[in-house]
Amino acid sequence: MRSNAVIKWLALGLAFLLGACSQPPAEVKLAGRTMGTGYHVSFFHDGTLALPADIQAEIDARLVEVNNQMSHYQGDSEISLFNASTSTVPFKISPGFAKVVGEALRIGRLSGGAYDITLGPVVNLWSFGPEKRPDQVPSDQELAQRLSEVGQDKLHLSGNELVKDRGDINLNLSSIAKGYGVDVVAEYLESLGIEDYVVEIGGELRSHGSKPQQQPWRIAIEKPSDGEQAIQEVVTPGNMAVATSGDYRNYFEENGVRYSHLIDARTGKPIQNRLVSVTVLAPSCMEADGMSTAISVLGPEQGLALAKDQGLAVFMIVKTDSGFEERYTDAFKPYLVARD
């Protein structure tokens, strides 16, 4: 699971003046449910497009297709059928599913194995998946057994065929699927000729263009707090996607110890680093979504090193003995809105 609503759209008044011979662009706002969370779409158009209801119907249909591919809560989805199969022969998957798996495997390699989409059995063991186990710490024996069932080196993608070396290998794409869903909607809007939009699913988003009079889209990064929501920083992403990963909401405690939902695939245990929030900007929301999780698992030092090596725009909030500290790459600086 991912922390939802970690990114909020700023409420800004729309002020614009157009020529007397032109119609001012109309803002359309659409909202719905998908992937166990909500989605929001906002765009501007001049009235020559299809009816908003027809556009939303197509958005819903495309998001249903994403769920049919990658929802591990849906028993007949492609990922569920793959996970249920114990066969080691090639399993044919849809192009969209293959695209997400390919990107996830790439990120896994970049992370040195810290991020791994075959980690589902271990995630379930820690009670953060669909298995609905009690909120209790697994034994060393249980953890060792589950770790023997994971490893992306046991998974092979060739075109639209997916092969597992072991029949008990299964996938969990919850760390990247919402980002892909955002991209699917964004690319559909662009196919209609819509150039000024924001698409958001469960806190992950992608923007393009601007508001009237070249007003940029402004996105707020939330402060890491269990209480009232507040803004840490504001960014203007331009034609980029934004995803944030954090461990400050989805966790459980036992005997005074806090266990994050973010699991390090190298150890099979919840992360213990002090990196509480990571925001990544990237051309695709799929990449931003997956990389934000990978960097969160790696921690402030290794995560920042990876971000710099890859030239990524990354913003971190790190817990220190004196409070919270901001750290970010040079590539992130241009997107920050200067404080008054």
Protein backbone atom coordinates (compact mmCIF):
# COMPACT_ATOMS: atom_id res chain seq x y z
CA MET A 1 0.00 0.00 0.00
CA ARG A 2 1.02 3.49 -0.52
CA SER A 3 0.40 6.65 1.52
CA ASN A 4 -2.61 8.30 -0.09
CA ALA A 5 -3.26 12.02 -0.56
CA VAL A 6 0.36 12.95 0.13
CA ILE A 7 0.16 15.50 -2.66
CA LYS A 8 -2.60 18.12 -2.78
CA TRP A 9 -3.62 20.51 -5.51
CA LEU A 10 -3.41 24.10 -4.34
CA ALA A 11 -6.64 26.03 -4.58
CA LEU A 12 -5.82 29.01 -6.77
CA GLY A 13 -8.25 31.54 -8.19
CA LEU A 14 -8.53 31.55 -11.97
CA ALA A 15 -8.17 35.01 -13.45
CA PHE A 16 -7.86 35.43 -17.19
CA LEU A 17 -8.71 37.86 -19.97
CA LEU A 18 -9.00 36.74 -23.60
CA GLY A 19 -9.74 38.58 -26.80
CA ALA A 20 -13.33 39.56 -27.54
CA CYS A 21 -13.47 37.22 -30.54
CA SER A 22 -12.44 34.10 -28.62
CA GLN A 23 -14.20 31.94 -26.09
CA PRO A 24 -12.44 31.56 -22.73
CA PRO A 25 -11.33 27.96 -22.15
CA ALA A 26 -13.61 26.05 -19.83
CA GLU A 27 -12.29 24.05 -16.92
CA VAL A 28 -13.57 20.49 -16.62
CA LYS A 29 -13.18 18.57 -13.37
CA LEU A 30 -13.82 14.83 -13.21
CA ALA A 31 -13.55 12.45 -10.26
CA GLY A 32 -14.13 8.78 -9.61
CA ARG A 33 -12.83 5.65 -7.92
CA THR A 34 -10.16 3.21 -9.04
CA MET A 35 -7.52 0.92 -7.51
CA GLY A 36 -9.06 1.23 -4.06
CA THR A 37 -8.66 5.01 -4.04
CA GLY A 38 -9.94 8.12 -5.79
CA TYR A 39 -8.92 9.84 -9.00
CA HIS A 40 -9.22 13.47 -10.07
CA VAL A 41 -8.80 14.98 -13.51
CA SER A 42 -8.78 18.67 -14.32
CA PHE A 43 -8.31 20.14 -17.78
CA PHE A 44 -9.17 23.15 -19.93
CA HIS A 45 -10.78 23.09 -23.36
CA ASP A 46 -12.50 25.44 -25.80
CA GLY A 47 -15.77 23.55 -26.14
CA THR A 48 -14.86 21.58 -29.28
CA LEU A 49 -14.18 18.31 -27.47
CA ALA A 50 -16.45 15.41 -26.67
CA LEU A 51 -18.85 15.80 -23.77
CA PRO A 52 -17.16 15.52 -20.36
CA ALA A 53 -19.41 12.58 -19.52
CA ASP A 54 -18.15 10.71 -22.58
CA ILE A 55 -14.54 11.51 -21.69
CA GLN A 56 -15.05 10.26 -18.15
CA ALA A 57 -16.68 7.07 -19.40
CA GLU A 58 -13.59 6.37 -21.51
CA ILE A 59 -11.28 7.20 -18.59
CA ASP A 60 -13.20 4.76 -16.39
CA ALA A 61 -13.03 2.06 -19.07
CA ARG A 62 -9.25 2.46 -19.40
CA LEU A 63 -8.75 2.33 -15.64
CA VAL A 64 -10.89 -0.82 -15.45
CA GLU A 65 -8.49 -2.32 -17.99
CA VAL A 66 -5.52 -1.42 -15.77
CA ASN A 67 -7.23 -3.14 -12.83
CA ASN A 68 -7.96 -6.15 -15.01
CA GLN A 69 -4.23 -6.36 -15.67
CA MET A 70 -2.59 -5.56 -12.33
CA SER A 71 -5.00 -5.73 -9.38
CA HIS A 72 -3.94 -8.45 -6.94
CA TYR A 73 -7.27 -7.97 -5.14
CA GLN A 74 -9.14 -9.05 -8.28
CA GLY A 75 -9.14 -12.82 -8.62
CA ASP A 76 -9.39 -12.90 -12.41
CA SER A 77 -6.83 -10.17 -13.16
CA GLU A 78 -3.76 -11.03 -15.22
CA ILE A 79 -1.47 -10.67 -12.22
CA SER A 80 -3.70 -12.86 -10.05
CA LEU A 81 -3.82 -15.56 -12.70
CA PHE A 82 -0.04 -15.40 -13.10
CA ASN A 83 0.46 -15.59 -9.34
CA ALA A 84 -1.93 -18.53 -9.03
CA SER A 85 -0.16 -20.50 -11.74
CA THR A 86 2.62 -22.87 -10.67
CA SER A 87 3.77 -23.40 -14.25
CA THR A 88 7.22 -22.31 -15.41
CA VAL A 89 6.24 -22.08 -19.08
CA PRO A 90 5.89 -18.63 -20.70
CA PHE A 91 2.77 -16.76 -19.56
CA LYS A 92 1.36 -14.33 -22.14
CA ILE A 93 0.50 -10.89 -20.75
CA SER A 94 -0.90 -7.67 -22.20
CA PRO A 95 1.44 -4.92 -23.48
CA GLY A 96 0.48 -2.61 -20.60
CA PHE A 97 1.26 -5.23 -17.98
CA ALA A 98 4.56 -6.01 -19.71
CA LYS A 99 5.48 -2.31 -19.78
CA VAL A 100 4.98 -1.96 -16.02
CA VAL A 101 6.85 -5.18 -15.20
CA GLY A 102 9.75 -4.10 -17.42
CA GLU A 103 10.03 -0.73 -15.69
CA ALA A 104 9.77 -2.33 -12.25
CA LEU A 105 12.56 -4.78 -13.06
CA ARG A 106 14.73 -1.90 -14.28
CA ILE A 107 14.18 0.01 -11.04
CA GLY A 108 14.89 -3.15 -9.05
CA ARG A 109 18.27 -3.51 -10.75
CA LEU A 110 19.11 0.17 -10.14
CA SER A 111 18.27 -0.24 -6.44
CA GLY A 112 20.65 -3.18 -6.05
CA GLY A 113 17.77 -5.47 -5.13
CA ALA A 114 16.23 -3.27 -2.42
CA TYR A 115 13.12 -2.82 -4.55
CA ASP A 116 11.63 -6.07 -5.82
CA ILE A 117 8.12 -6.69 -7.21
CA THR A 118 8.31 -10.39 -6.29
CA LEU A 119 8.29 -9.40 -2.62
CA GLY A 120 4.53 -10.00 -2.30
CA PRO A 121 4.79 -13.07 -0.01
CA VAL A 122 6.96 -11.11 2.43
CA VAL A 123 4.69 -8.03 2.28
CA ASN A 124 1.72 -10.27 3.07
CA LEU A 125 3.60 -11.83 5.96
CA TRP A 126 4.03 -8.40 7.52
CA SER A 127 0.23 -7.84 7.16
CA PHE A 128 0.47 -5.10 4.49
CA GLY A 129 -1.02 -7.11 1.61
CA PRO A 130 -4.29 -8.89 0.78
CA GLU A 131 -3.48 -11.84 3.04
CA LYS A 132 -4.98 -9.97 6.03
CA ARG A 133 -2.68 -11.50 8.62
CA PRO A 134 -2.83 -10.19 12.20
CA ASP A 135 -0.66 -7.19 13.02
CA GLN A 136 2.16 -9.21 14.54
CA VAL A 137 5.85 -9.65 13.89
CA PRO A 138 6.59 -12.84 11.91
CA SER A 139 9.00 -15.38 13.29
CA ASP A 140 12.47 -15.86 11.82
CA GLN A 141 11.35 -19.20 10.41
CA GLU A 142 8.33 -17.67 8.66
CA LEU A 143 10.47 -14.88 7.24
CA ALA A 144 13.13 -17.27 5.96
CA GLN A 145 10.49 -19.37 4.21
CA ARG A 146 8.96 -16.36 2.50
CA LEU A 147 12.35 -14.97 1.44
CA SER A 148 13.07 -18.26 -0.34
CA GLU A 149 10.00 -17.56 -2.49
CA VAL A 150 11.12 -14.13 -3.76
CA GLY A 151 13.74 -12.63 -6.05
CA GLN A 152 13.32 -10.82 -9.35
CA ASP A 153 16.24 -12.82 -10.72
CA LYS A 154 13.74 -15.71 -10.85
CA LEU A 155 11.48 -13.69 -13.16
CA HIS A 156 12.08 -13.16 -16.89
CA LEU A 157 10.27 -10.86 -19.33
CA SER A 158 10.55 -11.34 -23.09
CA GLY A 159 8.22 -9.20 -25.14
CA ASN A 160 4.72 -9.98 -23.87
CA GLU A 161 5.72 -13.23 -22.19
CA LEU A 162 6.54 -13.58 -18.51
CA VAL A 163 8.35 -16.62 -17.13
CA LYS A 164 9.07 -17.63 -13.54
CA ASP A 165 11.81 -20.08 -12.57
CA ARG A 166 9.80 -21.29 -9.58
CA GLY A 167 6.10 -22.02 -9.47
CA ASP A 168 5.65 -20.08 -6.20
CA ILE A 169 7.02 -16.77 -7.54
CA ASN A 170 4.35 -14.06 -7.60
CA LEU A 171 4.15 -10.33 -8.21
CA ASN A 172 2.90 -7.27 -6.37
CA LEU A 173 2.75 -4.06 -8.42
CA SER A 174 1.07 -1.82 -5.83
CA SER A 175 4.20 0.38 -5.74
CA ILE A 176 3.98 1.29 -9.42
CA ALA A 177 0.54 0.46 -10.85
CA LYS A 178 -1.18 3.70 -9.77
CA GLY A 179 1.53 5.69 -11.50
CA TYR A 180 0.94 3.72 -14.67
CA GLY A 181 -2.78 4.39 -14.35
CA VAL A 182 -2.06 8.11 -14.23
CA ASP A 183 -0.02 7.81 -17.43
CA VAL A 184 -2.84 5.91 -19.16
CA VAL A 185 -5.30 8.72 -18.41
CA ALA A 186 -2.82 11.47 -19.29
CA GLU A 187 -1.99 9.89 -22.63
CA TYR A 188 -5.69 9.50 -23.42
CA LEU A 189 -6.26 13.23 -22.77
CA GLU A 190 -3.34 14.12 -25.02
CA SER A 191 -4.79 11.90 -27.76
CA LEU A 192 -7.85 14.18 -27.66
CA GLY A 193 -5.69 17.24 -28.15
CA ILE A 194 -5.92 18.33 -24.50
CA GLU A 195 -2.67 20.06 -23.61
CA ASP A 196 -3.47 21.65 -20.24
CA TYR A 197 -4.33 19.11 -17.57
CA VAL A 198 -3.59 17.47 -14.23
CA VAL A 199 -4.36 13.79 -13.56
CA GLU A 200 -4.14 12.37 -10.03
CA ILE A 201 -4.73 8.89 -8.62
CA GLY A 202 -4.25 8.30 -4.91
CA GLY A 203 -1.77 11.16 -4.57
CA GLU A 204 0.35 10.33 -7.64
CA LEU A 205 -0.09 12.80 -10.49
CA ARG A 206 1.01 14.09 -13.84
CA SER A 207 0.57 17.59 -15.22
CA HIS A 208 0.96 19.20 -18.61
CA GLY A 209 0.71 22.72 -19.93
CA SER A 210 -0.71 25.39 -17.65
CA LYS A 211 -3.81 27.25 -16.56
CA PRO A 212 -5.06 30.25 -18.55
CA GLN A 213 -2.67 33.20 -18.86
CA GLN A 214 0.23 30.76 -18.50
CA GLN A 215 -0.41 30.25 -14.79
CA PRO A 216 1.55 27.12 -13.82
CA TRP A 217 0.02 24.16 -12.09
CA ARG A 218 1.14 24.26 -8.47
CA ILE A 219 1.43 21.10 -6.38
CA ALA A 220 1.91 20.94 -2.62
CA ILE A 221 4.18 18.41 -0.92
CA GLU A 222 2.68 17.45 2.42
CA LYS A 223 4.45 17.66 5.75
CA PRO A 224 5.10 14.23 7.28
CA SER A 225 2.62 14.28 10.14
CA ASP A 226 0.12 11.83 11.59
CA GLY A 227 -2.17 14.73 12.50
CA GLU A 228 -3.48 17.71 10.57
CA GLN A 229 -2.31 18.01 6.98
CA ALA A 230 0.04 20.89 6.21
CA ILE A 231 2.27 21.97 3.33
CA GLN A 232 6.02 21.36 3.39
CA GLU A 233 6.90 22.82 -0.02
CA VAL A 234 5.23 23.83 -3.27
CA VAL A 235 6.45 22.79 -6.72
CA THR A 236 5.55 23.68 -10.30
CA PRO A 237 6.08 20.39 -12.14
CA GLY A 238 5.36 21.66 -15.66
CA ASN A 239 5.14 18.70 -18.06
CA MET A 240 6.21 16.15 -15.46
CA ALA A 241 4.78 13.51 -13.16
CA VAL A 242 5.03 13.67 -9.36
CA ALA A 243 4.94 10.77 -6.89
CA THR A 244 5.57 10.68 -3.16
CA SER A 245 6.34 7.71 -0.95
CA GLY A 246 6.33 7.87 2.83
CA ASP A 247 6.13 5.58 5.85
CA TYR A 248 4.53 7.96 8.33
CA ARG A 249 0.94 6.73 7.92
CA ASN A 250 0.95 3.07 6.90
CA TYR A 251 2.54 1.08 9.72
CA PHE A 252 1.75 -0.92 12.82
CA GLU A 253 3.30 -1.05 16.28
CA GLU A 254 4.07 -3.96 18.55
CA ASN A 255 5.77 -3.75 21.93
CA GLY A 256 6.63 -0.11 21.29
CA VAL A 257 8.38 -0.81 17.96
CA ARG A 258 7.06 0.80 14.77
CA TYR A 259 7.02 -1.35 11.62
CA SER A 260 6.82 0.47 8.27
CA HIS A 261 4.88 -0.90 5.29
CA LEU A 262 8.02 -0.36 3.18
CA ILE A 263 10.01 -3.60 3.09
CA ASP A 264 13.67 -3.89 2.12
CA ALA A 265 13.82 -6.88 -0.25
CA ARG A 266 17.45 -7.48 0.72
CA THR A 267 16.49 -8.27 4.32
CA GLY A 268 12.76 -8.99 4.12
CA LYS A 269 12.20 -6.56 6.99
CA PRO A 270 10.54 -3.12 7.27
CA ILE A 271 12.92 -0.24 6.69
CA GLN A 272 14.54 1.33 9.75
CA ASN A 273 16.09 4.39 8.09
CA ARG A 274 15.08 7.97 8.94
CA LEU A 275 13.83 8.92 5.50
CA VAL A 276 10.15 9.65 6.08
CA SER A 277 9.12 11.08 2.71
CA VAL A 278 10.44 11.02 -0.86
CA THR A 279 9.03 12.98 -3.80
CA VAL A 280 10.20 12.19 -7.32
CA LEU A 281 9.56 14.13 -10.52
CA ALA A 282 9.90 12.21 -13.79
CA PRO A 283 8.50 12.26 -17.34
CA SER A 284 6.21 9.31 -16.55
CA CYS A 285 4.26 8.75 -13.36
CA MET A 286 5.10 5.06 -13.58
CA GLU A 287 8.79 5.88 -13.18
CA ALA A 288 8.16 8.49 -10.47
CA ASP A 289 5.96 6.06 -8.53
CA GLY A 290 8.40 3.15 -8.60
CA MET A 291 11.49 5.27 -7.98
CA SER A 292 9.95 7.02 -4.97
CA THR A 293 9.45 3.64 -3.30
CA ALA A 294 12.91 2.37 -4.24
CA ILE A 295 14.60 5.49 -2.86
CA SER A 296 12.52 5.31 0.32
CA VAL A 297 13.73 1.76 0.90
CA LEU A 298 17.36 2.65 0.20
CA GLY A 299 17.32 5.48 2.73
CA PRO A 300 18.70 9.03 2.72
CA GLU A 301 22.33 8.30 1.82
CA GLN A 302 22.01 5.47 -0.69
CA GLY A 303 18.77 6.91 -2.08
CA LEU A 304 20.23 10.34 -2.67
CA ALA A 305 23.31 8.81 -4.29
CA LEU A 306 21.12 6.84 -6.69
CA ALA A 307 19.03 9.92 -7.50
CA LYS A 308 22.13 11.98 -8.29
CA ASP A 309 23.65 9.17 -10.37
CA GLN A 310 20.45 8.93 -12.45
CA GLY A 311 19.96 12.70 -12.70
CA LEU A 312 16.57 12.45 -10.99
CA ALA A 313 14.62 15.35 -9.52
CA VAL A 314 14.18 14.09 -5.94
CA PHE A 315 13.08 15.79 -2.72
CA MET A 316 13.52 14.13 0.69
CA ILE A 317 12.31 14.82 4.20
CA VAL A 318 14.62 13.19 6.75
CA LYS A 319 13.95 12.87 10.46
CA THR A 320 16.83 14.08 12.62
CA ASP A 321 17.34 14.43 16.36
CA SER A 322 16.31 18.10 16.09
CA GLY A 323 13.33 17.71 13.74
CA PHE A 324 12.80 17.28 10.01
CA GLU A 325 15.42 18.19 7.40
CA GLU A 326 14.96 18.77 3.67
CA ARG A 327 17.39 17.31 1.16
CA TYR A 328 17.09 17.41 -2.63
CA THR A 329 19.05 16.97 -5.81
CA ASP A 330 20.16 19.80 -8.08
CA ALA A 331 17.69 18.50 -10.67
CA PHE A 332 14.81 19.23 -8.25
CA LYS A 333 15.72 22.87 -7.56
CA PRO A 334 14.08 24.40 -10.67
CA TYR A 335 10.67 23.03 -9.66
CA LEU A 336 10.61 24.54 -6.15
CA VAL A 337 8.43 27.63 -5.66
CA ALA A 338 10.32 30.32 -3.76
CA ARG A 339 8.85 31.10 -0.35
CA ASP A 340 7.56 34.60 0.35
